[in-house]
């Protein structure tokens, strides 16, 4: 198990140091922003959703801790190409995993790298903030 923990830690560090989809989109169809006042994390999320409800492009910008940046990077990678319901299913699974609720870890893929954070409530907020921003962007007012 120690090997898996090390692999996941390496994955989080890699996404922190070299975040994927760290960009602004020229013509997003969906946008939302979020802030974690406890940690100072801030994120701005842009999405392009096509007529069939599929996320065809995604970008984020912001500043924050390593966990926040890595979560943003890995989330954008995971949702690109997914439909809105598929992206929301990832939100539900990720949130359940980090809050100790029952859920399907198999569907999360590399996102299970964050599972160990569930025992650190302050870090959970850092990891889940961008996911709540995604939910707001796709379902404003929820």
C-alpha atoms as a PDB file:
ATOM      1  CA  UNK A   1       0.000   0.000   0.000  1.00  0.00           C
ATOM      2  CA  UNK A   2       2.916   2.341   0.667  1.00  0.00           C
ATOM      3  CA  UNK A   3       3.836   2.109  -3.019  1.00  0.00           C
ATOM      4  CA  UNK A   4       0.345   3.229  -4.026  1.00  0.00           C
ATOM      5  CA  UNK A   5       0.434   6.162  -1.598  1.00  0.00           C
ATOM      6  CA  UNK A   6       3.796   7.228  -3.014  1.00  0.00           C
ATOM      7  CA  UNK A   7       2.500   6.925  -6.582  1.00  0.00           C
ATOM      8  CA  UNK A   8      -0.546   9.053  -5.740  1.00  0.00           C
ATOM      9  CA  UNK A   9       1.584  11.647  -3.948  1.00  0.00           C
ATOM     10  CA  UNK A  10       3.837  11.840  -7.016  1.00  0.00           C
ATOM     11  CA  UNK A  11       0.787  12.318  -9.248  1.00  0.00           C
ATOM     12  CA  UNK A  12      -0.506  15.196  -7.112  1.00  0.00           C
ATOM     13  CA  UNK A  13       2.927  16.855  -7.092  1.00  0.00           C
ATOM     14  CA  UNK A  14       3.192  16.475 -10.876  1.00  0.00           C
ATOM     15  CA  UNK A  15      -0.199  18.142 -11.450  1.00  0.00           C
ATOM     16  CA  UNK A  16       0.699  20.922  -9.013  1.00  0.00           C
ATOM     17  CA  UNK A  17       3.993  21.684 -10.725  1.00  0.00           C
ATOM     18  CA  UNK A  18       2.702  21.298 -14.271  1.00  0.00           C
ATOM     19  CA  UNK A  19      -1.067  21.865 -14.206  1.00  0.00           C
ATOM     20  CA  UNK A  20      -3.060  20.751 -17.233  1.00  0.00           C
ATOM     21  CA  UNK A  21      -5.594  23.112 -18.827  1.00  0.00           C
ATOM     22  CA  UNK A  22      -4.233  26.140 -16.960  1.00  0.00           C
ATOM     23  CA  UNK A  23      -5.630  28.685 -19.384  1.00  0.00           C
ATOM     24  CA  UNK A  24      -8.486  31.069 -20.063  1.00  0.00           C
ATOM     25  CA  UNK A  25     -10.867  30.143 -22.833  1.00  0.00           C
ATOM     26  CA  UNK A  26     -11.682  32.762 -25.463  1.00  0.00           C
ATOM     27  CA  UNK A  27     -15.391  31.952 -25.731  1.00  0.00           C
ATOM     28  CA  UNK A  28     -16.595  29.834 -22.803  1.00  0.00           C
ATOM     29  CA  UNK A  29     -20.229  28.788 -22.688  1.00  0.00           C
ATOM     30  CA  UNK A  30     -20.042  28.326 -18.908  1.00  0.00           C
ATOM     31  CA  UNK A  31     -18.017  30.140 -16.261  1.00  0.00           C
ATOM     32  CA  UNK A  32     -17.813  30.273 -12.471  1.00  0.00           C
ATOM     33  CA  UNK A  33     -15.372  31.401  -9.811  1.00  0.00           C
ATOM     34  CA  UNK A  34     -14.684  30.304  -6.279  1.00  0.00           C
ATOM     35  CA  UNK A  35     -12.603  31.182  -3.269  1.00  0.00           C
ATOM     36  CA  UNK A  36     -11.600  29.342  -0.121  1.00  0.00           C
ATOM     37  CA  UNK A  37     -11.169  32.101   2.482  1.00  0.00           C
ATOM     38  CA  UNK A  38      -9.590  29.705   4.994  1.00  0.00           C
ATOM     39  CA  UNK A  39      -6.663  28.852   2.723  1.00  0.00           C
ATOM     40  CA  UNK A  40      -6.678  31.702   0.207  1.00  0.00           C
ATOM     41  CA  UNK A  41      -7.275  29.443  -2.803  1.00  0.00           C
ATOM     42  CA  UNK A  42      -8.993  31.136  -5.745  1.00  0.00           C
ATOM     43  CA  UNK A  43     -10.087  29.587  -9.022  1.00  0.00           C
ATOM     44  CA  UNK A  44     -11.791  30.749 -12.195  1.00  0.00           C
ATOM     45  CA  UNK A  45     -13.221  27.976 -14.381  1.00  0.00           C
ATOM     46  CA  UNK A  46     -14.181  28.229 -18.065  1.00  0.00           C
ATOM     47  CA  UNK A  47     -15.999  25.509 -19.991  1.00  0.00           C
ATOM     48  CA  UNK A  48     -17.186  24.983 -23.527  1.00  0.00           C
ATOM     49  CA  UNK A  49     -20.213  22.696 -23.652  1.00  0.00           C
ATOM     50  CA  UNK A  50     -21.521  21.696 -27.074  1.00  0.00           C
ATOM     51  CA  UNK A  51     -25.154  21.343 -28.184  1.00  0.00           C
ATOM     52  CA  UNK A  52     -25.200  17.692 -27.079  1.00  0.00           C
ATOM     53  CA  UNK A  53     -24.147  18.648 -23.549  1.00  0.00           C
ATOM     54  CA  UNK A  54     -20.553  17.417 -23.864  1.00  0.00           C
ATOM     55  CA  UNK A  55     -17.653  19.360 -22.340  1.00  0.00           C
ATOM     56  CA  UNK A  56     -15.365  19.970 -25.311  1.00  0.00           C
ATOM     57  CA  UNK A  57     -12.879  22.317 -23.655  1.00  0.00           C
ATOM     58  CA  UNK A  58     -12.061  23.455 -20.155  1.00  0.00           C
ATOM     59  CA  UNK A  59      -9.588  25.819 -18.591  1.00  0.00           C
ATOM     60  CA  UNK A  60      -8.858  27.163 -15.153  1.00  0.00           C
ATOM     61  CA  UNK A  61      -6.848  30.008 -13.707  1.00  0.00           C
ATOM     62  CA  UNK A  62      -6.142  30.997 -10.167  1.00  0.00           C
ATOM     63  CA  UNK A  63      -3.825  30.665  -7.274  1.00  0.00           C
ATOM     64  CA  UNK A  64      -3.694  28.405  -4.315  1.00  0.00           C
ATOM     65  CA  UNK A  65      -2.019  25.584  -2.527  1.00  0.00           C
ATOM     66  CA  UNK A  66      -0.607  22.466  -4.168  1.00  0.00           C
ATOM     67  CA  UNK A  67      -3.720  20.410  -3.388  1.00  0.00           C
ATOM     68  CA  UNK A  68      -6.051  22.999  -4.905  1.00  0.00           C
ATOM     69  CA  UNK A  69      -3.961  23.380  -8.054  1.00  0.00           C
ATOM     70  CA  UNK A  70      -3.508  19.622  -8.505  1.00  0.00           C
ATOM     71  CA  UNK A  71      -7.218  18.982  -7.970  1.00  0.00           C
ATOM     72  CA  UNK A  72      -8.089  21.658 -10.534  1.00  0.00           C
ATOM     73  CA  UNK A  73      -5.679  20.184 -13.051  1.00  0.00           C
ATOM     74  CA  UNK A  74      -6.834  16.603 -12.551  1.00  0.00           C
ATOM     75  CA  UNK A  75     -10.509  17.584 -12.585  1.00  0.00           C
ATOM     76  CA  UNK A  76     -10.183  19.438 -15.885  1.00  0.00           C
ATOM     77  CA  UNK A  77      -8.424  16.443 -17.407  1.00  0.00           C
ATOM     78  CA  UNK A  78     -11.085  14.065 -16.087  1.00  0.00           C
ATOM     79  CA  UNK A  79     -14.124  16.031 -17.305  1.00  0.00           C
ATOM     80  CA  UNK A  80     -12.930  16.966 -20.789  1.00  0.00           C
ATOM     81  CA  UNK A  81     -14.995  14.946 -23.265  1.00  0.00           C
ATOM     82  CA  UNK A  82     -17.615  14.016 -20.665  1.00  0.00           C
ATOM     83  CA  UNK A  83     -21.293  14.911 -20.767  1.00  0.00           C
ATOM     84  CA  UNK A  84     -22.694  17.125 -18.027  1.00  0.00           C
ATOM     85  CA  UNK A  85     -24.304  14.124 -16.240  1.00  0.00           C
ATOM     86  CA  UNK A  86     -20.991  12.235 -16.439  1.00  0.00           C
ATOM     87  CA  UNK A  87     -19.124  15.229 -15.001  1.00  0.00           C
ATOM     88  CA  UNK A  88     -21.687  15.525 -12.199  1.00  0.00           C
ATOM     89  CA  UNK A  89     -21.281  11.805 -11.459  1.00  0.00           C
ATOM     90  CA  UNK A  90     -17.532  12.438 -11.070  1.00  0.00           C
ATOM     91  CA  UNK A  91     -18.350  15.348  -8.738  1.00  0.00           C
ATOM     92  CA  UNK A  92     -20.578  13.088  -6.637  1.00  0.00           C
ATOM     93  CA  UNK A  93     -17.985  10.308  -6.475  1.00  0.00           C
ATOM     94  CA  UNK A  94     -15.096  12.638  -5.661  1.00  0.00           C
ATOM     95  CA  UNK A  95     -17.076  14.458  -2.989  1.00  0.00           C
ATOM     96  CA  UNK A  96     -18.285  11.177  -1.467  1.00  0.00           C
ATOM     97  CA  UNK A  97     -14.739   9.793  -1.374  1.00  0.00           C
ATOM     98  CA  UNK A  98     -13.381  12.822   0.477  1.00  0.00           C
ATOM     99  CA  UNK A  99     -16.277  13.137   2.912  1.00  0.00           C
ATOM    100  CA  UNK A 100     -16.405   9.460   3.865  1.00  0.00           C
ATOM    101  CA  UNK A 101     -19.683   8.725   2.105  1.00  0.00           C
ATOM    102  CA  UNK A 102     -20.290   5.534   0.143  1.00  0.00           C
ATOM    103  CA  UNK A 103     -19.447   5.859  -3.519  1.00  0.00           C
ATOM    104  CA  UNK A 104     -17.928   4.221  -6.573  1.00  0.00           C
ATOM    105  CA  UNK A 105     -14.159   4.662  -6.444  1.00  0.00           C
ATOM    106  CA  UNK A 106     -13.667   2.624  -9.619  1.00  0.00           C
ATOM    107  CA  UNK A 107     -15.214   5.374 -11.724  1.00  0.00           C
ATOM    108  CA  UNK A 108     -12.807   8.011 -10.385  1.00  0.00           C
ATOM    109  CA  UNK A 109      -9.659   6.732 -12.061  1.00  0.00           C
ATOM    110  CA  UNK A 110      -6.589   8.737 -11.029  1.00  0.00           C
ATOM    111  CA  UNK A 111      -8.727  11.037  -8.889  1.00  0.00           C
ATOM    112  CA  UNK A 112      -8.455   8.428  -6.104  1.00  0.00           C
ATOM    113  CA  UNK A 113      -5.015   9.982  -5.521  1.00  0.00           C
ATOM    114  CA  UNK A 114      -6.840  12.403  -3.211  1.00  0.00           C
ATOM    115  CA  UNK A 115      -8.461   9.708  -1.037  1.00  0.00           C
ATOM    116  CA  UNK A 116      -5.851  10.047   1.706  1.00  0.00           C
ATOM    117  CA  UNK A 117      -6.883  13.670   2.259  1.00  0.00           C
ATOM    118  CA  UNK A 118     -10.217  12.585   3.722  1.00  0.00           C
ATOM    119  CA  UNK A 119      -8.678  12.620   7.217  1.00  0.00           C
ATOM    120  CA  UNK A 120      -7.591  16.263   6.831  1.00  0.00           C
ATOM    121  CA  UNK A 121     -10.755  18.416   6.743  1.00  0.00           C
ATOM    122  CA  UNK A 122      -8.902  21.607   5.780  1.00  0.00           C
ATOM    123  CA  UNK A 123      -7.258  19.844   2.835  1.00  0.00           C
ATOM    124  CA  UNK A 124     -10.618  18.393   1.770  1.00  0.00           C
ATOM    125  CA  UNK A 125     -11.849  21.956   1.265  1.00  0.00           C
ATOM    126  CA  UNK A 126      -8.791  22.679  -0.892  1.00  0.00           C
ATOM    127  CA  UNK A 127      -9.374  19.580  -3.025  1.00  0.00           C
ATOM    128  CA  UNK A 128     -13.131  20.011  -3.444  1.00  0.00           C
ATOM    129  CA  UNK A 129     -13.358  23.762  -4.045  1.00  0.00           C
ATOM    130  CA  UNK A 130     -12.843  23.535  -7.818  1.00  0.00           C
ATOM    131  CA  UNK A 131     -15.435  20.756  -7.977  1.00  0.00           C
ATOM    132  CA  UNK A 132     -18.010  23.020  -6.353  1.00  0.00           C
ATOM    133  CA  UNK A 133     -17.066  25.714  -8.867  1.00  0.00           C
ATOM    134  CA  UNK A 134     -17.684  23.163 -11.641  1.00  0.00           C
ATOM    135  CA  UNK A 135     -21.109  22.374 -10.199  1.00  0.00           C
ATOM    136  CA  UNK A 136     -21.958  26.083 -10.065  1.00  0.00           C
ATOM    137  CA  UNK A 137     -20.771  26.614 -13.651  1.00  0.00           C
ATOM    138  CA  UNK A 138     -22.890  23.753 -14.981  1.00  0.00           C
ATOM    139  CA  UNK A 139     -25.901  24.309 -12.697  1.00  0.00           C
ATOM    140  CA  UNK A 140     -25.966  27.981 -11.655  1.00  0.00           C
ATOM    141  CA  UNK A 141     -27.663  28.601  -8.341  1.00  0.00           C
ATOM    142  CA  UNK A 142     -27.251  25.073  -6.971  1.00  0.00           C
END
